[in-house]
Protein backbone atom coordinates (compact mmCIF):
# COMPACT_ATOMS: atom_id res chain seq x y z
CA ARG A 1 -9.65 24.84 -23.68
CA MET A 2 -7.47 22.62 -21.47
CA SER A 3 -4.92 24.67 -19.58
CA VAL A 4 -1.18 24.10 -19.88
CA GLN A 5 -1.03 23.14 -16.17
CA HIS A 6 -3.82 20.59 -16.55
CA THR A 7 -2.12 19.11 -19.60
CA SER A 8 1.14 18.84 -17.64
CA ASP A 9 -0.69 17.18 -14.75
CA ARG A 10 -2.30 14.64 -17.05
CA LYS A 11 1.06 13.85 -18.69
CA THR A 12 2.51 13.16 -15.25
CA LEU A 13 -0.44 10.93 -14.38
CA LEU A 14 -0.14 8.97 -17.64
CA THR A 15 3.62 8.64 -17.18
CA VAL A 16 3.12 7.17 -13.71
CA ILE A 17 0.47 4.72 -14.94
CA ILE A 18 2.60 3.54 -17.86
CA VAL A 19 5.80 3.21 -15.84
CA SER A 20 4.04 1.43 -12.96
CA LEU A 21 2.70 -1.17 -15.41
CA VAL A 22 5.75 -1.54 -17.66
CA TYR A 23 8.55 -1.36 -15.10
CA PRO A 24 7.65 -4.55 -13.13
CA ALA A 25 7.37 -6.48 -16.40
CA ALA A 26 10.74 -5.18 -17.60
CA LEU A 27 12.32 -6.07 -14.25
CA TYR A 28 11.13 -9.66 -14.43
CA VAL A 29 12.30 -9.97 -18.03
CA VAL A 30 15.77 -8.98 -16.81
CA ILE A 31 15.57 -11.43 -13.90
CA SER A 32 14.46 -14.22 -16.22
CA THR A 33 17.02 -13.41 -18.92
CA LEU A 34 19.91 -13.22 -16.47
CA ALA A 35 18.58 -16.25 -14.56
CA VAL A 36 18.86 -14.46 -11.24
CA THR A 37 18.36 -17.18 -8.60
CA SER A 38 20.50 -15.96 -5.71
CA PRO A 39 18.28 -15.03 -2.71
CA THR A 40 20.62 -12.13 -1.93
CA ALA A 41 20.40 -10.78 -5.48
CA ARG A 42 16.61 -11.11 -5.55
CA TYR A 43 16.37 -9.39 -2.19
CA ALA A 44 18.49 -6.51 -3.48
CA LEU A 45 16.45 -6.28 -6.68
CA THR A 46 13.20 -6.13 -4.69
CA VAL A 47 14.55 -3.30 -2.53
CA PHE A 48 15.84 -1.50 -5.64
CA SER A 49 12.48 -1.92 -7.38
CA ALA A 50 10.67 -0.47 -4.35
CA ALA A 51 13.08 2.47 -4.28
CA VAL A 52 12.33 3.15 -7.96
CA LEU A 53 8.58 3.12 -7.33
CA LEU A 54 8.99 5.40 -4.31
CA GLY A 55 11.08 7.79 -6.40
CA LEU A 56 8.39 7.74 -9.09
CA ALA A 57 5.72 8.55 -6.50
CA LEU A 58 7.69 11.43 -4.97
CA TRP A 59 8.53 12.85 -8.41
CA ALA A 60 4.88 12.76 -9.47
CA MET A 61 3.66 14.24 -6.19
CA ASN A 62 6.10 17.10 -6.56
CA ARG A 63 5.02 17.69 -10.18
CA ASP A 64 1.31 17.65 -9.33
CA GLY A 65 1.47 19.66 -6.11
CA ILE A 66 0.69 16.86 -3.67
CA SER A 67 2.78 17.54 -0.58
CA ARG A 68 4.17 14.81 1.63
CA GLU A 69 2.51 16.50 4.60
CA SER A 70 -0.89 16.22 2.93
CA VAL A 71 -0.62 12.42 2.77
CA GLY A 72 0.63 12.10 6.34
CA TRP A 73 4.40 11.99 5.87
CA THR A 74 5.14 13.90 9.09
CA LYS A 75 6.75 13.18 12.46
CA ALA A 76 3.38 13.29 14.23
CA ARG A 77 1.85 10.88 11.73
CA VAL A 78 4.81 8.50 12.06
CA GLN A 79 4.25 8.44 15.82
CA GLN A 80 0.53 7.85 15.28
CA ALA A 81 1.28 5.04 12.81
CA LEU A 82 3.62 3.31 15.25
CA ALA A 83 1.09 3.62 18.07
CA TYR A 84 -1.65 2.10 15.91
CA MET A 85 0.60 -0.76 14.84
CA VAL A 86 1.75 -1.54 18.40
CA VAL A 87 -1.86 -1.77 19.59
CA ALA A 88 -2.75 -3.94 16.58
CA TRP A 89 0.22 -6.26 17.23
CA VAL A 90 -0.76 -6.64 20.89
CA VAL A 91 -4.31 -7.61 19.87
CA LEU A 92 -3.13 -9.93 17.09
CA GLY A 93 -0.54 -11.52 19.33
CA ALA A 94 -3.10 -12.15 22.07
CA ALA A 95 -5.64 -13.56 19.59
CA HIS A 96 -3.03 -15.77 17.94
CA GLY A 97 -1.75 -16.97 21.31
CA LEU A 98 -5.27 -17.93 22.42
CA ALA A 99 -5.94 -19.69 19.10
CA VAL A 100 -2.81 -21.84 18.98
CA GLY A 101 -2.02 -22.04 22.68
CA SER A 102 1.30 -20.21 22.49
CA LEU A 103 2.66 -16.90 21.26
CA ARG A 104 4.77 -17.60 18.18
CA ILE A 105 6.18 -15.13 15.69
CA GLY A 106 5.24 -15.85 12.06
CA ALA A 107 7.37 -18.48 10.32
CA HIS A 108 8.58 -16.07 7.62
CA VAL A 109 9.48 -13.20 9.95
CA THR A 110 13.15 -12.27 9.79
CA VAL A 111 14.81 -8.90 10.25
CA PRO A 112 15.77 -8.64 6.54
CA ALA A 113 12.21 -9.57 5.51
CA LEU A 114 10.73 -6.95 7.85
CA ILE A 115 13.07 -4.27 6.51
CA GLN A 116 12.40 -5.21 2.91
CA GLN A 117 8.61 -5.48 3.10
CA TRP A 118 7.63 -3.02 5.84
CA LEU A 119 10.04 -0.19 5.09
CA PHE A 120 10.55 -0.56 1.34
CA VAL A 121 7.89 -2.54 -0.53
CA GLY A 122 4.87 -1.63 1.59
CA MET A 123 5.82 2.03 1.94
CA ALA A 124 6.76 2.47 -1.73
CA GLU A 125 3.59 0.88 -3.10
CA GLU A 126 1.38 2.86 -0.72
CA MET A 127 3.09 6.14 -1.60
CA LEU A 128 2.54 5.39 -5.28
CA TYR A 129 -0.98 3.95 -5.27
CA ARG A 130 -2.57 5.71 -2.32
CA GLY A 131 -0.29 8.71 -1.74
CA TYR A 132 -0.18 9.76 -5.38
CA LEU A 133 -2.60 7.88 -7.66
CA LEU A 134 -5.58 7.88 -5.31
CA GLN A 135 -5.21 11.62 -4.68
CA ARG A 136 -4.49 12.45 -8.30
CA LEU A 137 -7.37 10.38 -9.67
CA GLN A 138 -9.79 12.11 -7.33
CA ARG A 139 -8.68 15.34 -8.96
CA GLU A 140 -9.09 13.79 -12.40
CA PHE A 141 -12.66 12.79 -11.52
CA SER A 142 -13.46 16.11 -9.85
CA HIS A 143 -16.16 16.85 -12.44
CA TRP A 144 -18.17 14.14 -10.66
CA ALA A 145 -19.82 14.55 -7.27
CA ALA A 146 -17.23 14.31 -4.48
CA ARG A 147 -18.36 10.87 -3.27
CA LYS A 148 -18.40 9.43 -6.80
CA ALA A 149 -14.98 10.91 -7.52
CA ARG A 150 -13.59 9.26 -4.37
CA ILE A 151 -15.14 5.89 -5.24
CA GLY A 152 -13.91 6.15 -8.83
CA ALA A 153 -10.39 6.94 -7.62
CA VAL A 154 -10.42 4.02 -5.17
CA VAL A 155 -11.57 1.58 -7.85
CA ALA A 156 -9.17 2.86 -10.54
CA SER A 157 -6.12 2.97 -8.26
CA SER A 158 -6.96 -0.51 -6.93
CA LEU A 159 -7.23 -1.89 -10.46
CA LEU A 160 -3.81 -0.43 -11.28
CA PHE A 161 -2.44 -1.86 -8.03
CA ALA A 162 -3.68 -5.33 -8.99
CA ALA A 163 -2.41 -5.02 -12.57
CA MET A 164 1.08 -4.08 -11.36
CA HIS A 165 1.39 -7.57 -9.83
CA ILE A 166 0.66 -9.47 -13.06
CA PRO A 167 4.36 -9.87 -14.06
CA VAL A 168 5.37 -11.49 -10.77
CA ARG A 169 2.40 -13.88 -11.03
CA LEU A 170 3.39 -14.83 -14.57
CA PHE A 171 7.01 -15.15 -13.52
CA ASN A 172 5.92 -17.60 -10.82
CA GLN A 173 3.95 -19.52 -13.48
CA PHE A 174 0.44 -18.96 -12.19
CA SER A 175 -2.28 -20.69 -14.19
CA VAL A 176 -4.91 -18.48 -15.83
CA GLY A 177 -7.45 -19.37 -13.14
CA ALA A 178 -5.03 -18.78 -10.29
CA LEU A 179 -3.94 -15.48 -11.87
CA LEU A 180 -7.53 -14.20 -12.08
CA VAL A 181 -8.27 -15.20 -8.48
CA SER A 182 -5.04 -13.56 -7.32
CA LEU A 183 -5.83 -10.34 -9.18
CA LEU A 184 -9.32 -10.26 -7.67
CA TRP A 185 -7.87 -10.56 -4.16
CA LEU A 186 -5.28 -7.89 -4.94
CA PHE A 187 -8.06 -5.59 -6.14
CA VAL A 188 -9.99 -6.18 -2.90
CA LEU A 189 -6.79 -5.61 -0.92
CA GLY A 190 -6.19 -2.37 -2.83
CA ILE A 191 -9.66 -1.18 -1.85
CA ALA A 192 -9.01 -2.12 1.78
CA PHE A 193 -5.74 -0.16 1.86
CA SER A 194 -7.46 2.78 0.15
CA VAL A 195 -10.21 2.88 2.77
CA LEU A 196 -7.63 2.50 5.55
CA TYR A 197 -5.72 5.46 4.14
CA LEU A 198 -8.84 7.60 3.64
CA ARG A 199 -9.94 6.88 7.22
CA THR A 200 -6.58 7.89 8.69
CA GLY A 201 -4.94 10.25 6.18
CA ASN A 202 -1.76 8.51 7.28
CA ILE A 203 0.32 7.01 4.46
CA VAL A 204 2.97 5.80 6.93
CA PHE A 205 0.41 3.70 8.78
CA THR A 206 -0.99 2.32 5.51
CA GLY A 207 2.54 1.50 4.35
CA LEU A 208 3.29 -0.37 7.57
CA ALA A 209 -0.06 -2.18 7.32
CA HIS A 210 0.80 -3.18 3.74
CA GLY A 211 4.24 -4.43 4.76
CA SER A 212 2.75 -6.29 7.70
CA TRP A 213 0.29 -7.97 5.33
CA ASN A 214 3.22 -9.19 3.21
CA VAL A 215 5.18 -10.40 6.25
CA PRO A 216 2.79 -10.65 9.22
CA LEU A 217 4.29 -10.56 12.69
CA PHE A 218 1.76 -13.15 13.86
CA GLY A 219 -0.23 -15.71 11.92
CA VAL A 220 0.08 -16.24 8.18
CA GLN A 221 -0.02 -14.06 5.07
CA GLY A 222 -3.50 -13.62 3.65
CA ASP A 223 -5.28 -13.69 7.01
CA PHE A 224 -7.97 -11.02 6.74
CA PHE A 225 -8.35 -11.00 10.53
CA GLN A 226 -5.24 -8.82 10.50
CA LEU A 227 -7.04 -6.18 8.42
CA ILE A 228 -10.11 -6.39 10.65
CA VAL A 229 -7.93 -5.66 13.69
CA LEU A 230 -6.23 -2.73 11.93
CA PHE A 231 -9.58 -1.20 10.99
CA ALA A 232 -10.89 -1.76 14.52
CA VAL A 233 -7.87 0.02 16.03
CA VAL A 234 -8.40 2.98 13.71
CA GLU A 235 -12.13 3.23 14.39
CA VAL A 236 -11.70 2.98 18.17
CA ALA A 237 -9.03 5.71 18.04
CA LYS A 238 -11.30 7.94 15.93
CA PHE A 239 -14.23 7.32 18.29
CA ARG A 240 -12.11 8.25 21.32
CA GLY A 241 -10.93 11.36 19.49
CA SER A 242 -14.50 12.43 18.77
CA LEU A 243 -15.45 11.92 22.44
CA ARG A 244 -12.53 14.12 23.53
CA GLN A 245 -13.59 16.81 21.07
CA LYS A 246 -17.14 16.77 22.42
CA ALA A 247 -15.83 16.95 25.98
CA ASP A 248 -13.71 20.00 25.10
CA VAL A 249 -16.67 21.88 23.59
């Protein structure tokens, strides 16, 4: 018979899934009803929405025994995340400079945009979808072999990540075809962020990578070269770490 603890865990999981799908839709109904057009008001609502999702993630993690330390929310991991990002930015900046002949910051990069997307939106969504849902779904699929459970969790959490963006696409009047293409790319992006998180165990780095995808420091949004560079930085760092370990043996 299902234990009381397991039942409680599943209720938390279902609550998170329902809220993560319903809340964005409700938010855009409010925006549409109140005809919110002020850039300042929309900025504030986006930050508020991210704070709500982050609160939801932290609440669920606490309920289901997923510590912040276990997902990489530590001082050491923050330092590692910043180091990875600095190296990635140097490489991206150099590549972009060689491609266009000059080093230019992305057209949409402003301090408010960086704060909003890197520190709020990117971090909140990664804490929810990778920090909580990916971990929790692996536990839910634990009756499968470990590799299958991990793959199942990556696919399921990425589907939920894509579905969460449906309201904003509808709000921006996407056609059916454009909506389906957008959701497919979001699903692929969710998988990429999941793999990036699983390779590093660092939710801070994944959050910064997510925010940087939304507002890239160099180039344009949607440039998958950025993700390639991020993965390359991680793999080189892991390779150097394994060489050091072998040298110490």
